[in-house]
Amino acid sequence: MNAITVRGVTKNFGELSVLKGVNLDVQQGEIFTLLGANGAGKSTLINILTTLSLPNSGTVSIMGFDPRKDGNAVRKLI
């Protein structure tokens, strides 16, 4: 089972596209790092994964929970 699954996630702030179709899988027990230049969308993705922000499109699963629908469950896991 994946601990984190992200499929086609996009995030826009007005006309600015910050995330454009992000896909990733993180297995349980795996150590995962986000690397990128300033403004690459790392913090935006973390905010989506931790229920602090909503994506414009795409799906996210944290240990089988959808942060949009099961935010309390995701926050308990964190």
Protein backbone atom coordinates (compact mmCIF):
# COMPACT_ATOMS: atom_id res chain seq x y z
CA MET A 1 0.00 0.00 0.00
CA ASN A 2 1.18 3.50 -0.81
CA ALA A 3 1.44 5.91 2.09
CA ILE A 4 0.99 8.82 -0.34
CA THR A 5 -0.49 8.77 -3.82
CA VAL A 6 -0.77 11.92 -5.94
CA ARG A 7 -2.32 11.88 -9.41
CA GLY A 8 -2.62 14.82 -11.80
CA VAL A 9 -2.58 17.47 -9.08
CA THR A 10 -2.73 21.05 -10.26
CA LYS A 11 -2.79 24.28 -8.28
CA ASN A 12 -3.26 27.77 -9.62
CA PHE A 13 -3.09 31.12 -7.88
CA GLY A 14 -5.00 33.35 -10.25
CA GLU A 15 -3.23 33.16 -13.61
CA LEU A 16 -0.10 31.59 -12.07
CA SER A 17 0.10 27.78 -12.43
CA VAL A 18 2.17 26.49 -9.52
CA LEU A 19 1.59 22.73 -9.88
CA LYS A 20 0.95 21.24 -13.29
CA GLY A 21 -0.16 17.61 -13.19
CA VAL A 22 2.01 16.28 -10.35
CA ASN A 23 2.12 12.47 -9.98
CA LEU A 24 3.98 10.55 -7.28
CA ASP A 25 3.83 7.49 -5.06
CA VAL A 26 5.50 7.08 -1.68
CA GLN A 27 5.51 3.58 -0.23
CA GLN A 28 4.99 2.93 3.48
CA GLY A 29 8.35 3.10 5.25
CA GLU A 30 10.02 4.87 2.34
CA ILE A 31 12.01 8.07 2.89
CA PHE A 32 11.02 10.66 0.31
CA THR A 33 12.41 14.14 -0.36
CA LEU A 34 11.10 16.99 -2.49
CA LEU A 35 13.85 18.94 -4.21
CA GLY A 36 13.50 21.88 -6.53
CA ALA A 37 14.28 25.50 -7.16
CA ASN A 38 12.57 28.36 -5.36
CA GLY A 39 9.04 28.66 -6.67
CA ALA A 40 8.88 25.08 -7.93
CA GLY A 41 5.77 24.25 -5.85
CA LYS A 42 7.29 22.17 -3.04
CA SER A 43 5.56 24.05 -0.22
CA THR A 44 2.31 24.16 -2.18
CA LEU A 45 2.35 20.38 -2.57
CA ILE A 46 3.10 19.89 1.15
CA ASN A 47 0.22 22.23 2.00
CA ILE A 48 -2.11 20.11 -0.14
CA LEU A 49 -0.87 16.86 1.42
CA THR A 50 -1.37 18.24 4.95
CA THR A 51 -4.90 19.61 4.28
CA LEU A 52 -3.82 23.27 4.48
CA SER A 53 -4.74 23.90 0.84
CA LEU A 54 -6.92 22.28 -1.82
CA PRO A 55 -5.75 21.35 -5.31
CA ASN A 56 -7.58 22.76 -8.30
CA SER A 57 -7.68 19.30 -9.85
CA GLY A 58 -6.31 15.80 -9.40
CA THR A 59 -6.47 13.32 -6.55
CA VAL A 60 -4.49 12.80 -3.35
CA SER A 61 -4.51 9.83 -0.99
CA ILE A 62 -2.76 9.68 2.38
CA MET A 63 -2.83 6.13 3.80
CA GLY A 64 -6.05 5.60 1.84
CA PHE A 65 -7.69 8.82 3.05
CA ASP A 66 -8.69 11.69 0.77
CA PRO A 67 -7.53 14.95 2.41
CA ARG A 68 -10.55 16.77 0.93
CA LYS A 69 -13.09 14.40 2.48
CA ASP A 70 -11.15 12.95 5.44
CA GLY A 71 -9.09 15.91 6.61
CA ASN A 72 -9.41 15.00 10.29
CA ALA A 73 -8.15 11.46 9.65
CA VAL A 74 -5.17 12.78 7.66
CA ARG A 75 -4.29 15.30 10.37
CA LYS A 76 -4.42 12.53 13.00
CA LEU A 77 -1.93 10.51 10.94
CA ILE A 78 0.40 13.48 10.68
